[in-house]
Amino acid sequence: MLPNLFHAQACNNAWSNHRLLKACAGLAPEELAAPRSGFFPSLIATLNHILIVDWFYVDALEGGWLGPAAWADRVPHPDLPGLRAAQAAVDRRLVAHCAGLDDAALAAIVRVNRDTRVQEERRDRLLLHLFQHQIHHRGQAHAMLSSTLVKPPQLDEFYSVAEAPLRAAEFAALGFSEEAIWGPGNAMPPASTA
């Protein structure tokens, strides 16, 4: 039986944010704010956009009506410590939201406040959109980070069971476990004796 793949993707989102922001902590504030090529003019602006979009959609998924007010401040956290804490908090909300989803909840309609209109989307499709959006912008932040002295972290080591040791420390820091995400019997296999 497949695990809750939306929960797994929410955990992947949290883990990727954790890993990326940890790498960004190696930069001085002026490096985070330095002009760089991308949709947004700096790393800190890109990372804040990821946070704001999470606030916007997670609020809607929870039944809230935050809407465009999420963008009232385009860089609500110009400092990385504040940004990391805020991102971790919204990541926990998204993981919790996705943890108990069933087929009926995934098919339910979510109302999204777009100010001048109300967007109605199935929960599963809205979640897929959110995950894809965040991957897209984390990729831009990753590319921006590659132009600094800080090595960009691997962000594709979440799904493969063979790569479980590479994410074990972050999973522990986030309170995740392979079993909780993938279900009993889906943890890392025993080491090969060959």
N, C-alpha and C. Protein backbone atom coordinates (compact mmCIF):
# COMPACT_ATOMS: atom_id res chain seq x y z
N MET A 1 0.84 -1.18 0.00
CA MET A 1 0.00 0.00 0.00
C MET A 1 0.88 1.24 0.00
N LEU A 2 0.50 2.21 -0.82
CA LEU A 2 1.26 3.45 -0.89
C LEU A 2 1.05 4.27 0.38
N PRO A 3 2.12 4.94 0.84
CA PRO A 3 1.93 5.86 1.97
C PRO A 3 1.19 7.10 1.49
N ASN A 4 0.90 7.98 2.40
CA ASN A 4 0.27 9.25 2.05
C ASN A 4 1.33 10.10 1.34
N LEU A 5 1.28 10.11 0.02
CA LEU A 5 2.30 10.81 -0.76
C LEU A 5 2.24 12.33 -0.58
N PHE A 6 1.08 12.86 -0.24
CA PHE A 6 1.01 14.30 0.02
C PHE A 6 1.73 14.63 1.33
N HIS A 7 1.62 13.76 2.32
CA HIS A 7 2.37 13.94 3.56
C HIS A 7 3.87 13.83 3.28
N ALA A 8 4.26 12.85 2.47
CA ALA A 8 5.67 12.69 2.13
C ALA A 8 6.19 13.94 1.42
N GLN A 9 5.40 14.49 0.52
CA GLN A 9 5.85 15.69 -0.20
C GLN A 9 5.93 16.89 0.74
N ALA A 10 5.01 16.99 1.69
CA ALA A 10 5.09 18.08 2.67
C ALA A 10 6.35 17.93 3.53
N CYS A 11 6.69 16.70 3.89
CA CYS A 11 7.93 16.46 4.63
C CYS A 11 9.14 16.80 3.77
N ASN A 12 9.09 16.44 2.49
CA ASN A 12 10.18 16.78 1.57
C ASN A 12 10.34 18.30 1.50
N ASN A 13 9.23 19.01 1.42
CA ASN A 13 9.24 20.47 1.37
C ASN A 13 9.93 21.04 2.61
N ALA A 14 9.55 20.53 3.78
CA ALA A 14 10.14 21.01 5.04
C ALA A 14 11.63 20.68 5.10
N TRP A 15 11.98 19.47 4.72
CA TRP A 15 13.38 19.04 4.75
C TRP A 15 14.22 19.87 3.78
N SER A 16 13.71 20.10 2.58
CA SER A 16 14.44 20.90 1.58
C SER A 16 14.64 22.33 2.08
N ASN A 17 13.59 22.92 2.66
CA ASN A 17 13.73 24.27 3.22
C ASN A 17 14.77 24.29 4.33
N HIS A 18 14.70 23.30 5.20
CA HIS A 18 15.64 23.19 6.32
C HIS A 18 17.08 23.13 5.80
N ARG A 19 17.32 22.26 4.83
CA ARG A 19 18.66 22.07 4.29
C ARG A 19 19.16 23.32 3.57
N LEU A 20 18.29 23.93 2.76
CA LEU A 20 18.69 25.13 2.02
C LEU A 20 18.97 26.30 2.95
N LEU A 21 18.09 26.52 3.93
CA LEU A 21 18.29 27.64 4.85
C LEU A 21 19.50 27.43 5.76
N LYS A 22 19.79 26.18 6.09
CA LYS A 22 20.99 25.89 6.87
C LYS A 22 22.23 26.27 6.07
N ALA A 23 22.24 25.96 4.78
CA ALA A 23 23.38 26.35 3.94
C ALA A 23 23.47 27.87 3.85
N CYS A 24 22.33 28.54 3.69
CA CYS A 24 22.33 30.00 3.57
C CYS A 24 22.83 30.67 4.84
N ALA A 25 22.76 29.98 5.97
CA ALA A 25 23.25 30.54 7.23
C ALA A 25 24.76 30.77 7.19
N GLY A 26 25.43 30.18 6.21
CA GLY A 26 26.86 30.40 6.05
C GLY A 26 27.19 31.71 5.35
N LEU A 27 26.17 32.46 4.95
CA LEU A 27 26.38 33.74 4.27
C LEU A 27 26.19 34.91 5.22
N ALA A 28 26.95 35.94 5.00
CA ALA A 28 26.77 37.18 5.75
C ALA A 28 25.49 37.86 5.26
N PRO A 29 24.84 38.68 6.10
CA PRO A 29 23.61 39.36 5.68
C PRO A 29 23.74 40.12 4.37
N GLU A 30 24.89 40.76 4.16
CA GLU A 30 25.05 41.51 2.91
C GLU A 30 25.13 40.59 1.69
N GLU A 31 25.61 39.35 1.88
CA GLU A 31 25.62 38.38 0.78
C GLU A 31 24.21 37.89 0.46
N LEU A 32 23.40 37.73 1.50
CA LEU A 32 22.01 37.32 1.29
C LEU A 32 21.23 38.39 0.54
N ALA A 33 21.55 39.64 0.79
CA ALA A 33 20.83 40.76 0.17
C ALA A 33 21.46 41.23 -1.13
N ALA A 34 22.63 40.69 -1.50
CA ALA A 34 23.33 41.12 -2.71
C ALA A 34 22.50 40.85 -3.96
N PRO A 35 22.54 41.73 -4.94
CA PRO A 35 21.80 41.51 -6.19
C PRO A 35 22.27 40.23 -6.89
N ARG A 36 21.30 39.44 -7.34
CA ARG A 36 21.59 38.20 -8.05
C ARG A 36 20.54 37.99 -9.13
N SER A 37 20.86 37.18 -10.12
CA SER A 37 19.92 36.89 -11.20
C SER A 37 18.88 35.88 -10.74
N GLY A 38 17.64 36.16 -11.05
CA GLY A 38 16.53 35.28 -10.71
C GLY A 38 15.23 36.05 -10.83
N PHE A 39 14.12 35.41 -10.49
CA PHE A 39 12.83 36.09 -10.51
C PHE A 39 12.81 37.23 -9.50
N PHE A 40 13.53 37.04 -8.40
CA PHE A 40 13.61 38.03 -7.35
C PHE A 40 15.05 38.50 -7.25
N PRO A 41 15.30 39.73 -6.79
CA PRO A 41 16.61 40.34 -6.94
C PRO A 41 17.71 39.86 -6.00
N SER A 42 17.39 38.98 -5.04
CA SER A 42 18.41 38.52 -4.09
C SER A 42 17.98 37.19 -3.50
N LEU A 43 18.92 36.57 -2.81
CA LEU A 43 18.59 35.33 -2.11
C LEU A 43 17.54 35.58 -1.03
N ILE A 44 17.72 36.62 -0.24
CA ILE A 44 16.78 36.86 0.85
C ILE A 44 15.39 37.16 0.31
N ALA A 45 15.29 37.86 -0.81
CA ALA A 45 13.98 38.14 -1.41
C ALA A 45 13.35 36.85 -1.93
N THR A 46 14.14 35.98 -2.53
CA THR A 46 13.63 34.70 -3.04
C THR A 46 13.15 33.82 -1.89
N LEU A 47 13.94 33.74 -0.84
CA LEU A 47 13.57 32.92 0.32
C LEU A 47 12.32 33.46 1.00
N ASN A 48 12.17 34.77 1.06
CA ASN A 48 10.96 35.37 1.62
C ASN A 48 9.75 35.09 0.74
N HIS A 49 9.94 35.07 -0.57
CA HIS A 49 8.82 34.73 -1.46
C HIS A 49 8.33 33.31 -1.20
N ILE A 50 9.24 32.39 -1.02
CA ILE A 50 8.87 31.00 -0.70
C ILE A 50 8.02 30.99 0.58
N LEU A 51 8.46 31.71 1.58
CA LEU A 51 7.73 31.78 2.85
C LEU A 51 6.34 32.38 2.67
N ILE A 52 6.24 33.49 1.96
CA ILE A 52 4.96 34.18 1.77
C ILE A 52 3.97 33.29 1.03
N VAL A 53 4.44 32.60 0.01
CA VAL A 53 3.54 31.71 -0.74
C VAL A 53 3.07 30.56 0.15
N ASP A 54 3.95 30.05 1.00
CA ASP A 54 3.50 29.04 1.97
C ASP A 54 2.43 29.62 2.89
N TRP A 55 2.65 30.81 3.42
CA TRP A 55 1.62 31.43 4.27
C TRP A 55 0.30 31.52 3.54
N PHE A 56 0.33 32.00 2.31
CA PHE A 56 -0.88 32.20 1.50
C PHE A 56 -1.65 30.89 1.31
N TYR A 57 -0.96 29.86 0.82
CA TYR A 57 -1.66 28.61 0.50
C TYR A 57 -1.97 27.77 1.73
N VAL A 58 -1.08 27.70 2.69
CA VAL A 58 -1.37 26.91 3.89
C VAL A 58 -2.56 27.50 4.63
N ASP A 59 -2.64 28.81 4.69
CA ASP A 59 -3.81 29.45 5.29
C ASP A 59 -5.08 29.03 4.56
N ALA A 60 -5.07 29.07 3.24
CA ALA A 60 -6.26 28.67 2.46
C ALA A 60 -6.59 27.19 2.69
N LEU A 61 -5.59 26.36 2.70
CA LEU A 61 -5.81 24.92 2.93
C LEU A 61 -6.43 24.66 4.30
N GLU A 62 -6.09 25.50 5.28
CA GLU A 62 -6.64 25.37 6.63
C GLU A 62 -8.00 26.04 6.75
N GLY A 63 -8.51 26.64 5.68
CA GLY A 63 -9.81 27.30 5.72
C GLY A 63 -9.76 28.77 6.04
N GLY A 64 -8.55 29.34 6.06
CA GLY A 64 -8.39 30.75 6.38
C GLY A 64 -8.69 31.66 5.20
N TRP A 65 -8.61 32.95 5.46
CA TRP A 65 -8.97 33.95 4.45
C TRP A 65 -7.89 35.03 4.33
N LEU A 66 -6.62 34.68 4.59
CA LEU A 66 -5.51 35.62 4.56
C LEU A 66 -5.40 36.31 3.20
N GLY A 67 -5.41 35.55 2.15
CA GLY A 67 -5.39 36.09 0.80
C GLY A 67 -4.21 37.00 0.53
N PRO A 68 -4.43 38.05 -0.29
CA PRO A 68 -3.35 38.95 -0.69
C PRO A 68 -2.66 39.67 0.46
N ALA A 69 -3.25 39.69 1.64
CA ALA A 69 -2.58 40.31 2.79
C ALA A 69 -1.25 39.62 3.07
N ALA A 70 -1.08 38.40 2.60
CA ALA A 70 0.19 37.69 2.77
C ALA A 70 1.34 38.47 2.17
N TRP A 71 1.06 39.25 1.11
CA TRP A 71 2.09 39.99 0.40
C TRP A 71 2.20 41.44 0.87
N ALA A 72 1.62 41.79 1.99
CA ALA A 72 1.68 43.17 2.49
C ALA A 72 3.12 43.64 2.64
N ASP A 73 4.00 42.75 3.02
CA ASP A 73 5.43 43.04 3.14
C ASP A 73 6.14 41.99 2.30
N ARG A 74 6.80 42.39 1.24
CA ARG A 74 7.44 41.45 0.32
C ARG A 74 8.68 40.79 0.92
N VAL A 75 9.25 41.38 1.96
CA VAL A 75 10.40 40.80 2.66
C VAL A 75 10.14 40.93 4.16
N PRO A 76 9.22 40.13 4.68
CA PRO A 76 8.89 40.25 6.10
C PRO A 76 10.03 39.84 7.03
N HIS A 77 10.97 39.07 6.52
CA HIS A 77 12.11 38.64 7.34
C HIS A 77 13.42 38.92 6.60
N PRO A 78 13.94 40.15 6.73
CA PRO A 78 15.21 40.47 6.07
C PRO A 78 16.40 39.81 6.74
N ASP A 79 16.17 39.23 7.93
CA ASP A 79 17.23 38.52 8.65
C ASP A 79 16.97 37.02 8.55
N LEU A 80 18.03 36.25 8.35
CA LEU A 80 17.89 34.81 8.16
C LEU A 80 17.37 34.08 9.41
N PRO A 81 17.79 34.41 10.63
CA PRO A 81 17.24 33.69 11.78
C PRO A 81 15.71 33.81 11.87
N GLY A 82 15.17 35.00 11.66
CA GLY A 82 13.72 35.17 11.68
C GLY A 82 13.05 34.40 10.56
N LEU A 83 13.65 34.43 9.39
CA LEU A 83 13.12 33.70 8.24
C LEU A 83 13.11 32.20 8.50
N ARG A 84 14.20 31.68 9.03
CA ARG A 84 14.28 30.23 9.31
C ARG A 84 13.19 29.81 10.30
N ALA A 85 12.98 30.60 11.33
CA ALA A 85 11.95 30.25 12.32
C ALA A 85 10.55 30.29 11.70
N ALA A 86 10.28 31.34 10.92
CA ALA A 86 8.96 31.46 10.29
C ALA A 86 8.72 30.35 9.28
N GLN A 87 9.76 30.01 8.50
CA GLN A 87 9.61 28.94 7.51
C GLN A 87 9.39 27.60 8.19
N ALA A 88 10.13 27.34 9.25
CA ALA A 88 9.95 26.08 9.98
C ALA A 88 8.53 25.97 10.55
N ALA A 89 8.00 27.08 11.04
CA ALA A 89 6.64 27.07 11.61
C ALA A 89 5.59 26.75 10.55
N VAL A 90 5.67 27.39 9.38
CA VAL A 90 4.67 27.11 8.35
C VAL A 90 4.89 25.72 7.75
N ASP A 91 6.14 25.26 7.70
CA ASP A 91 6.40 23.90 7.24
C ASP A 91 5.74 22.88 8.16
N ARG A 92 5.80 23.11 9.47
CA ARG A 92 5.14 22.20 10.42
C ARG A 92 3.63 22.19 10.21
N ARG A 93 3.06 23.35 9.92
CA ARG A 93 1.62 23.43 9.65
C ARG A 93 1.26 22.62 8.41
N LEU A 94 2.05 22.73 7.36
CA LEU A 94 1.76 22.00 6.13
C LEU A 94 1.91 20.50 6.34
N VAL A 95 2.93 20.08 7.05
CA VAL A 95 3.12 18.65 7.34
C VAL A 95 1.92 18.13 8.14
N ALA A 96 1.51 18.87 9.16
CA ALA A 96 0.36 18.45 9.97
C ALA A 96 -0.92 18.40 9.13
N HIS A 97 -1.09 19.38 8.25
CA HIS A 97 -2.28 19.40 7.40
C HIS A 97 -2.34 18.17 6.51
N CYS A 98 -1.21 17.80 5.94
CA CYS A 98 -1.17 16.68 5.00
C CYS A 98 -1.17 15.32 5.68
N ALA A 99 -0.84 15.27 6.95
CA ALA A 99 -0.69 13.98 7.64
C ALA A 99 -1.96 13.15 7.64
N GLY A 100 -3.10 13.77 7.79
CA GLY A 100 -4.32 12.99 7.93
C GLY A 100 -5.22 13.00 6.72
N LEU A 101 -4.72 13.44 5.58
CA LEU A 101 -5.59 13.54 4.40
C LEU A 101 -6.00 12.16 3.89
N ASP A 102 -7.27 12.06 3.54
CA ASP A 102 -7.77 10.85 2.90
C ASP A 102 -8.33 11.24 1.53
N ASP A 103 -8.87 10.28 0.81
CA ASP A 103 -9.36 10.56 -0.55
C ASP A 103 -10.43 11.65 -0.56
N ALA A 104 -11.33 11.62 0.41
CA ALA A 104 -12.40 12.62 0.46
C ALA A 104 -11.83 14.02 0.71
N ALA A 105 -10.88 14.12 1.63
CA ALA A 105 -10.27 15.42 1.92
C ALA A 105 -9.48 15.93 0.71
N LEU A 106 -8.81 15.04 0.01
CA LEU A 106 -8.03 15.45 -1.16
C LEU A 106 -8.93 15.93 -2.29
N ALA A 107 -10.13 15.37 -2.39
CA ALA A 107 -11.07 15.77 -3.44
C ALA A 107 -11.88 17.01 -3.07
N ALA A 108 -11.83 17.40 -1.80
CA ALA A 108 -12.62 18.55 -1.34
C ALA A 108 -12.14 19.85 -1.99
N ILE A 109 -13.06 20.78 -2.13
CA ILE A 109 -12.75 22.08 -2.73
C ILE A 109 -12.22 23.03 -1.67
N VAL A 110 -11.12 23.69 -2.01
CA VAL A 110 -10.52 24.72 -1.15
C VAL A 110 -10.81 26.07 -1.80
N ARG A 111 -11.24 27.00 -0.97
CA ARG A 111 -11.53 28.35 -1.45
C ARG A 111 -10.33 29.25 -1.13
N VAL A 112 -9.81 29.90 -2.16
CA VAL A 112 -8.62 30.73 -2.04
C VAL A 112 -9.01 32.19 -2.28
N ASN A 113 -8.76 33.02 -1.28
CA ASN A 113 -9.06 34.45 -1.38
C ASN A 113 -8.06 35.13 -2.30
N ARG A 114 -8.54 35.56 -3.47
CA ARG A 114 -7.70 36.28 -4.43
C ARG A 114 -8.08 37.76 -4.46
N ASP A 115 -8.72 38.24 -3.43
CA ASP A 115 -9.15 39.63 -3.26
C ASP A 115 -10.34 39.96 -4.14
N THR A 116 -10.16 40.02 -5.45
CA THR A 116 -11.26 40.39 -6.34
C THR A 116 -12.08 39.18 -6.79
N ARG A 117 -11.63 37.99 -6.43
CA ARG A 117 -12.37 36.77 -6.78
C ARG A 117 -11.99 35.67 -5.80
N VAL A 118 -12.78 34.61 -5.83
CA VAL A 118 -12.50 33.44 -5.02
C VAL A 118 -12.14 32.30 -5.96
N GLN A 119 -10.94 31.82 -5.83
CA GLN A 119 -10.48 30.67 -6.63
C GLN A 119 -10.91 29.40 -5.91
N GLU A 120 -11.48 28.47 -6.64
CA GLU A 120 -11.87 27.18 -6.06
C GLU A 120 -11.07 26.08 -6.74
N GLU A 121 -10.38 25.30 -5.92
CA GLU A 121 -9.52 24.22 -6.42
C GLU A 121 -9.70 22.98 -5.55
N ARG A 122 -9.56 21.83 -6.18
CA ARG A 122 -9.48 20.59 -5.39
C ARG A 122 -8.22 20.66 -4.53
N ARG A 123 -8.31 20.15 -3.33
CA ARG A 123 -7.17 20.19 -2.40
C ARG A 123 -5.94 19.48 -2.99
N ASP A 124 -6.12 18.33 -3.62
CA ASP A 124 -4.97 17.62 -4.15
C ASP A 124 -4.24 18.43 -5.21
N ARG A 125 -4.98 19.08 -6.09
CA ARG A 125 -4.36 19.88 -7.14
C ARG A 125 -3.72 21.15 -6.59
N LEU A 126 -4.33 21.74 -5.58
CA LEU A 126 -3.74 22.93 -4.95
C LEU A 126 -2.43 22.57 -4.25
N LEU A 127 -2.41 21.43 -3.58
CA LEU A 127 -1.18 20.98 -2.93
C LEU A 127 -0.09 20.71 -3.96
N LEU A 128 -0.44 20.05 -5.05
CA LEU A 128 0.56 19.78 -6.09
C LEU A 128 1.11 21.09 -6.66
N HIS A 129 0.23 22.06 -6.85
CA HIS A 129 0.68 23.37 -7.33
C HIS A 129 1.65 24.01 -6.33
N LEU A 130 1.29 23.98 -5.06
CA LEU A 130 2.15 24.56 -4.03
C LEU A 130 3.52 23.88 -4.02
N PHE A 131 3.54 22.55 -4.02
CA PHE A 131 4.82 21.84 -3.98
C PHE A 131 5.68 22.19 -5.20
N GLN A 132 5.06 22.22 -6.38
CA GLN A 132 5.82 22.54 -7.59
C GLN A 132 6.34 23.97 -7.54
N HIS A 133 5.52 24.89 -7.08
CA HIS A 133 5.94 26.29 -6.97
C HIS A 133 7.17 26.41 -6.07
N GLN A 134 7.13 25.75 -4.93
CA GLN A 134 8.23 25.86 -3.98
C GLN A 134 9.51 25.23 -4.53
N ILE A 135 9.37 24.10 -5.22
CA ILE A 135 10.54 23.47 -5.85
C ILE A 135 11.15 24.43 -6.86
N HIS A 136 10.31 25.05 -7.66
CA HIS A 136 10.74 26.01 -8.68
C HIS A 136 11.59 27.12 -8.06
N HIS A 137 11.09 27.74 -7.00
CA HIS A 137 11.82 28.86 -6.41
C HIS A 137 13.01 28.42 -5.56
N ARG A 138 12.92 27.25 -4.93
CA ARG A 138 14.13 26.74 -4.24
C ARG A 138 15.24 26.49 -5.24
N GLY A 139 14.89 26.05 -6.44
CA GLY A 139 15.90 25.87 -7.49
C GLY A 139 16.58 27.17 -7.84
N GLN A 140 15.81 28.26 -7.89
CA GLN A 140 16.40 29.57 -8.16
C GLN A 140 17.33 29.98 -7.02
N ALA A 141 16.89 29.76 -5.79
CA ALA A 141 17.74 30.09 -4.64
C ALA A 141 19.01 29.24 -4.66
N HIS A 142 18.86 28.00 -5.02
CA HIS A 142 20.00 27.07 -5.12
C HIS A 142 21.00 27.60 -6.14
N ALA A 143 20.50 28.05 -7.30
CA ALA A 143 21.39 28.60 -8.32
C ALA A 143 22.07 29.87 -7.84
N MET A 144 21.33 30.73 -7.12
CA MET A 144 21.93 31.95 -6.58
C MET A 144 23.03 31.60 -5.58
N LEU A 145 22.77 30.59 -4.76
CA LEU A 145 23.75 30.18 -3.76
C LEU A 145 25.03 29.69 -4.43
N SER A 146 24.91 29.10 -5.61
CA SER A 146 26.10 28.58 -6.30
C SER A 146 27.06 29.69 -6.73
N SER A 147 26.60 30.94 -6.72
CA SER A 147 27.50 32.06 -7.06
C SER A 147 28.17 32.65 -5.82
N THR A 148 28.06 31.94 -4.70
CA THR A 148 28.71 32.38 -3.45
C THR A 148 29.79 31.35 -3.09
N LEU A 149 30.43 31.56 -1.97
CA LEU A 149 31.43 30.60 -1.50
C LEU A 149 30.81 29.42 -0.76
N VAL A 150 29.49 29.49 -0.51
CA VAL A 150 28.80 28.39 0.18
C VAL A 150 28.32 27.39 -0.86
N LYS A 151 28.69 26.15 -0.64
CA LYS A 151 28.28 25.09 -1.57
C LYS A 151 26.79 24.83 -1.42
N PRO A 152 26.04 24.87 -2.54
CA PRO A 152 24.61 24.58 -2.45
C PRO A 152 24.39 23.13 -2.00
N PRO A 153 23.41 22.89 -1.14
CA PRO A 153 23.18 21.53 -0.66
C PRO A 153 22.42 20.68 -1.68
N GLN A 154 22.60 19.39 -1.60
CA GLN A 154 21.78 18.46 -2.39
C GLN A 154 20.35 18.57 -1.88
N LEU A 155 19.41 18.73 -2.79
CA LEU A 155 18.00 18.80 -2.40
C LEU A 155 17.20 17.64 -3.00
N ASP A 156 17.91 16.65 -3.52
CA ASP A 156 17.22 15.53 -4.16
C ASP A 156 17.50 14.20 -3.47
N GLU A 157 17.81 14.23 -2.18
CA GLU A 157 18.12 13.01 -1.44
C GLU A 157 17.00 12.60 -0.48
N PHE A 158 15.77 12.92 -0.83
CA PHE A 158 14.67 12.66 0.09
C PHE A 158 14.01 11.29 -0.12
N TYR A 159 13.85 10.86 -1.34
CA TYR A 159 13.00 9.70 -1.62
C TYR A 159 13.71 8.37 -1.63
N SER A 160 14.92 8.32 -2.12
CA SER A 160 15.62 7.04 -2.24
C SER A 160 15.96 6.47 -0.88
N VAL A 161 15.61 5.21 -0.67
CA VAL A 161 15.91 4.56 0.61
C VAL A 161 17.42 4.44 0.80
N ALA A 162 18.17 4.29 -0.28
CA ALA A 162 19.62 4.17 -0.18
C ALA A 162 20.27 5.46 0.32
N GLU A 163 19.57 6.58 0.18
CA GLU A 163 20.10 7.87 0.61
C GLU A 163 19.63 8.27 2.01
N ALA A 164 18.95 7.36 2.70
CA ALA A 164 18.45 7.66 4.05
C ALA A 164 19.57 8.12 4.99
N PRO A 165 20.75 7.51 4.94
CA PRO A 165 21.80 8.00 5.84
C PRO A 165 22.20 9.45 5.57
N LEU A 166 22.03 9.92 4.35
CA LEU A 166 22.41 11.29 3.99
C LEU A 166 21.45 12.33 4.55
N ARG A 167 20.26 11.90 4.92
CA ARG A 167 19.27 12.83 5.46
C ARG A 167 18.95 12.56 6.93
N ALA A 168 19.59 11.57 7.50
CA ALA A 168 19.25 11.13 8.86
C ALA A 168 19.39 12.25 9.90
N ALA A 169 20.45 13.02 9.83
CA ALA A 169 20.65 14.08 10.83
C ALA A 169 19.55 15.13 10.73
N GLU A 170 19.20 15.52 9.49
CA GLU A 170 18.15 16.52 9.33
C GLU A 170 16.79 15.96 9.73
N PHE A 171 16.55 14.70 9.41
CA PHE A 171 15.30 14.08 9.84
C PHE A 171 15.18 14.12 11.36
N ALA A 172 16.27 13.82 12.04
CA ALA A 172 16.26 13.86 13.51
C ALA A 172 15.98 15.27 14.00
N ALA A 173 16.61 16.27 13.38
CA ALA A 173 16.40 17.67 13.78
C ALA A 173 14.96 18.10 13.55
N LEU A 174 14.32 17.57 12.50
CA LEU A 174 12.95 17.93 12.17
C LEU A 174 11.91 17.08 12.88
N GLY A 175 12.36 16.04 13.57
CA GLY A 175 11.42 15.13 14.23
C GLY A 175 10.76 14.16 13.27
N PHE A 176 11.36 13.92 12.11
CA PHE A 176 10.84 12.99 11.12
C PHE A 176 11.48 11.62 11.32
N SER A 177 10.83 10.62 10.80
CA SER A 177 11.44 9.29 10.72
C SER A 177 11.00 8.67 9.41
N GLU A 178 11.83 7.78 8.90
CA GLU A 178 11.50 7.07 7.66
C GLU A 178 10.17 6.32 7.84
N GLU A 179 10.00 5.68 9.00
CA GLU A 179 8.79 4.90 9.25
C GLU A 179 7.54 5.77 9.27
N ALA A 180 7.65 6.96 9.86
CA ALA A 180 6.49 7.85 9.95
C ALA A 180 6.08 8.35 8.56
N ILE A 181 7.05 8.53 7.67
CA ILE A 181 6.74 9.01 6.33
C ILE A 181 6.32 7.87 5.41
N TRP A 182 7.05 6.78 5.44
CA TRP A 182 6.84 5.71 4.46
C TRP A 182 6.05 4.54 5.01
N GLY A 183 5.83 4.48 6.30
CA GLY A 183 5.06 3.38 6.88
C GLY A 183 5.97 2.28 7.41
N PRO A 184 5.41 1.45 8.28
CA PRO A 184 6.20 0.35 8.84
C PRO A 184 6.77 -0.54 7.74
N GLY A 185 8.00 -0.96 7.95
CA GLY A 185 8.64 -1.86 6.99
C GLY A 185 9.23 -1.14 5.79
N ASN A 186 9.14 0.19 5.76
CA ASN A 186 9.67 0.93 4.62
C ASN A 186 10.87 1.78 4.99
N ALA A 187 11.50 1.44 6.10
CA ALA A 187 12.70 2.17 6.51
C ALA A 187 13.89 1.64 5.71
N MET A 188 15.05 2.16 6.02
CA MET A 188 16.25 1.77 5.32
C MET A 188 16.49 0.27 5.49
N PRO A 189 16.83 -0.43 4.40
CA PRO A 189 17.10 -1.86 4.53
C PRO A 189 18.40 -2.08 5.28
N PRO A 190 18.58 -3.29 5.84
CA PRO A 190 19.83 -3.57 6.54
C PRO A 190 21.01 -3.47 5.56
N ALA A 191 22.18 -3.13 6.09
CA ALA A 191 23.37 -3.00 5.26
C ALA A 191 23.70 -4.34 4.62
N SER A 192 24.16 -4.27 3.39
CA SER A 192 24.51 -5.46 2.65
C SER A 192 25.76 -6.08 3.24
N THR A 193 25.81 -7.39 3.30
CA THR A 193 26.99 -8.09 3.83
C THR A 193 27.87 -8.59 2.70
N ALA A 194 27.49 -8.26 1.47
CA ALA A 194 28.28 -8.74 0.32
C ALA A 194 29.56 -7.97 0.16
